[in-house]
C-alpha atoms as a PDB file:
ATOM      1  CA  UNK A   1     168.959 -42.572  56.175  1.00  0.00           C
ATOM      2  CA  UNK A   2     168.374 -45.193  53.520  1.00  0.00           C
ATOM      3  CA  UNK A   3     170.517 -45.054  50.389  1.00  0.00           C
ATOM      4  CA  UNK A   4     168.687 -43.941  47.242  1.00  0.00           C
ATOM      5  CA  UNK A   5     169.716 -45.160  43.795  1.00  0.00           C
ATOM      6  CA  UNK A   6     168.198 -43.801  40.594  1.00  0.00           C
ATOM      7  CA  UNK A   7     168.714 -45.579  37.294  1.00  0.00           C
ATOM      8  CA  UNK A   8     168.260 -42.899  34.621  1.00  0.00           C
ATOM      9  CA  UNK A   9     169.211 -41.434  31.295  1.00  0.00           C
ATOM     10  CA  UNK A  10     170.504 -37.902  30.817  1.00  0.00           C
ATOM     11  CA  UNK A  11     167.737 -36.859  28.420  1.00  0.00           C
ATOM     12  CA  UNK A  12     164.723 -38.075  30.418  1.00  0.00           C
ATOM     13  CA  UNK A  13     162.404 -35.345  31.767  1.00  0.00           C
ATOM     14  CA  UNK A  14     160.944 -37.742  34.356  1.00  0.00           C
ATOM     15  CA  UNK A  15     164.457 -38.442  35.627  1.00  0.00           C
ATOM     16  CA  UNK A  16     165.027 -34.707  36.057  1.00  0.00           C
ATOM     17  CA  UNK A  17     161.723 -34.364  37.907  1.00  0.00           C
ATOM     18  CA  UNK A  18     162.587 -37.173  40.328  1.00  0.00           C
ATOM     19  CA  UNK A  19     166.055 -35.746  40.931  1.00  0.00           C
ATOM     20  CA  UNK A  20     164.594 -32.277  41.432  1.00  0.00           C
ATOM     21  CA  UNK A  21     162.191 -33.552  44.099  1.00  0.00           C
ATOM     22  CA  UNK A  22     165.053 -35.166  46.002  1.00  0.00           C
ATOM     23  CA  UNK A  23     167.348 -32.157  45.517  1.00  0.00           C
ATOM     24  CA  UNK A  24     164.679 -29.795  46.864  1.00  0.00           C
ATOM     25  CA  UNK A  25     164.376 -31.985  49.962  1.00  0.00           C
ATOM     26  CA  UNK A  26     168.157 -32.082  50.360  1.00  0.00           C
ATOM     27  CA  UNK A  27     168.239 -35.859  49.990  1.00  0.00           C
ATOM     28  CA  UNK A  28     171.416 -37.368  48.516  1.00  0.00           C
ATOM     29  CA  UNK A  29     171.174 -40.111  45.899  1.00  0.00           C
ATOM     30  CA  UNK A  30     173.336 -42.137  43.562  1.00  0.00           C
ATOM     31  CA  UNK A  31     172.752 -41.817  39.820  1.00  0.00           C
ATOM     32  CA  UNK A  32     173.356 -44.708  37.454  1.00  0.00           C
ATOM     33  CA  UNK A  33     173.129 -43.698  33.793  1.00  0.00           C
ATOM     34  CA  UNK A  34     171.780 -46.593  31.743  1.00  0.00           C
ATOM     35  CA  UNK A  35     171.623 -44.623  28.476  1.00  0.00           C
ATOM     36  CA  UNK A  36     174.810 -46.029  26.993  1.00  0.00           C
ATOM     37  CA  UNK A  37     175.618 -48.796  29.444  1.00  0.00           C
ATOM     38  CA  UNK A  38     173.928 -52.074  28.522  1.00  0.00           C
ATOM     39  CA  UNK A  39     175.185 -53.931  31.598  1.00  0.00           C
ATOM     40  CA  UNK A  40     173.703 -51.288  33.930  1.00  0.00           C
ATOM     41  CA  UNK A  41     170.418 -51.320  32.013  1.00  0.00           C
ATOM     42  CA  UNK A  42     170.307 -55.111  32.371  1.00  0.00           C
ATOM     43  CA  UNK A  43     171.052 -54.720  36.088  1.00  0.00           C
ATOM     44  CA  UNK A  44     168.204 -52.186  36.409  1.00  0.00           C
ATOM     45  CA  UNK A  45     165.754 -54.460  34.628  1.00  0.00           C
ATOM     46  CA  UNK A  46     166.695 -57.419  36.816  1.00  0.00           C
ATOM     47  CA  UNK A  47     166.400 -55.452  40.070  1.00  0.00           C
ATOM     48  CA  UNK A  48     163.106 -53.832  39.057  1.00  0.00           C
ATOM     49  CA  UNK A  49     161.380 -57.033  38.008  1.00  0.00           C
ATOM     50  CA  UNK A  50     161.676 -56.406  34.278  1.00  0.00           C
ATOM     51  CA  UNK A  51     160.906 -52.681  34.122  1.00  0.00           C
ATOM     52  CA  UNK A  52     162.739 -51.009  31.253  1.00  0.00           C
ATOM     53  CA  UNK A  53     161.593 -47.395  31.547  1.00  0.00           C
ATOM     54  CA  UNK A  54     163.518 -44.732  33.425  1.00  0.00           C
ATOM     55  CA  UNK A  55     163.825 -43.633  36.064  1.00  0.00           C
ATOM     56  CA  UNK A  56     163.767 -46.701  38.258  1.00  0.00           C
ATOM     57  CA  UNK A  57     164.211 -45.682  41.878  1.00  0.00           C
ATOM     58  CA  UNK A  58     165.333 -47.745  44.843  1.00  0.00           C
ATOM     59  CA  UNK A  59     165.328 -46.789  48.507  1.00  0.00           C
ATOM     60  CA  UNK A  60     167.564 -49.212  50.352  1.00  0.00           C
ATOM     61  CA  UNK A  61     166.746 -52.593  48.840  1.00  0.00           C
ATOM     62  CA  UNK A  62     163.141 -51.630  48.058  1.00  0.00           C
ATOM     63  CA  UNK A  63     162.116 -50.884  44.481  1.00  0.00           C
ATOM     64  CA  UNK A  64     159.968 -47.744  44.565  1.00  0.00           C
ATOM     65  CA  UNK A  65     159.180 -47.526  40.858  1.00  0.00           C
ATOM     66  CA  UNK A  66     159.381 -44.464  38.655  1.00  0.00           C
ATOM     67  CA  UNK A  67     158.991 -40.730  39.000  1.00  0.00           C
ATOM     68  CA  UNK A  68     155.214 -40.812  39.490  1.00  0.00           C
ATOM     69  CA  UNK A  69     155.612 -43.384  42.255  1.00  0.00           C
ATOM     70  CA  UNK A  70     158.202 -41.233  44.024  1.00  0.00           C
ATOM     71  CA  UNK A  71     155.989 -38.143  43.722  1.00  0.00           C
ATOM     72  CA  UNK A  72     153.001 -40.095  45.053  1.00  0.00           C
ATOM     73  CA  UNK A  73     155.011 -41.169  48.102  1.00  0.00           C
ATOM     74  CA  UNK A  74     155.967 -37.557  48.756  1.00  0.00           C
ATOM     75  CA  UNK A  75     152.400 -36.305  48.294  1.00  0.00           C
ATOM     76  CA  UNK A  76     151.069 -38.965  50.680  1.00  0.00           C
ATOM     77  CA  UNK A  77     153.697 -38.045  53.282  1.00  0.00           C
ATOM     78  CA  UNK A  78     155.281 -41.518  53.111  1.00  0.00           C
ATOM     79  CA  UNK A  79     158.656 -40.699  51.531  1.00  0.00           C
ATOM     80  CA  UNK A  80     160.311 -39.358  54.673  1.00  0.00           C
ATOM     81  CA  UNK A  81     159.191 -42.436  56.602  1.00  0.00           C
ATOM     82  CA  UNK A  82     160.694 -44.773  53.992  1.00  0.00           C
ATOM     83  CA  UNK A  83     163.954 -42.869  54.084  1.00  0.00           C
ATOM     84  CA  UNK A  84     164.306 -43.136  57.854  1.00  0.00           C
ATOM     85  CA  UNK A  85     163.655 -46.900  58.072  1.00  0.00           C
END
């Protein structure tokens, strides 16, 4: 299974929604809180092509996008395929 990394803040409802989707599927992920860590926020922005909103989600080395993008992948039945590649 591909590693999932979520750059997030603790007060973001979209971050909670993305985490909840993955939790309900039993999929492990790494959280990186960028709320008070400028170097991690800079890292997130660099890896995501300049995106500054949270969450920013990565599966393996692929940038997925935010919560809506993750939910769209799940709804289209593409998330499980991405995870197994």
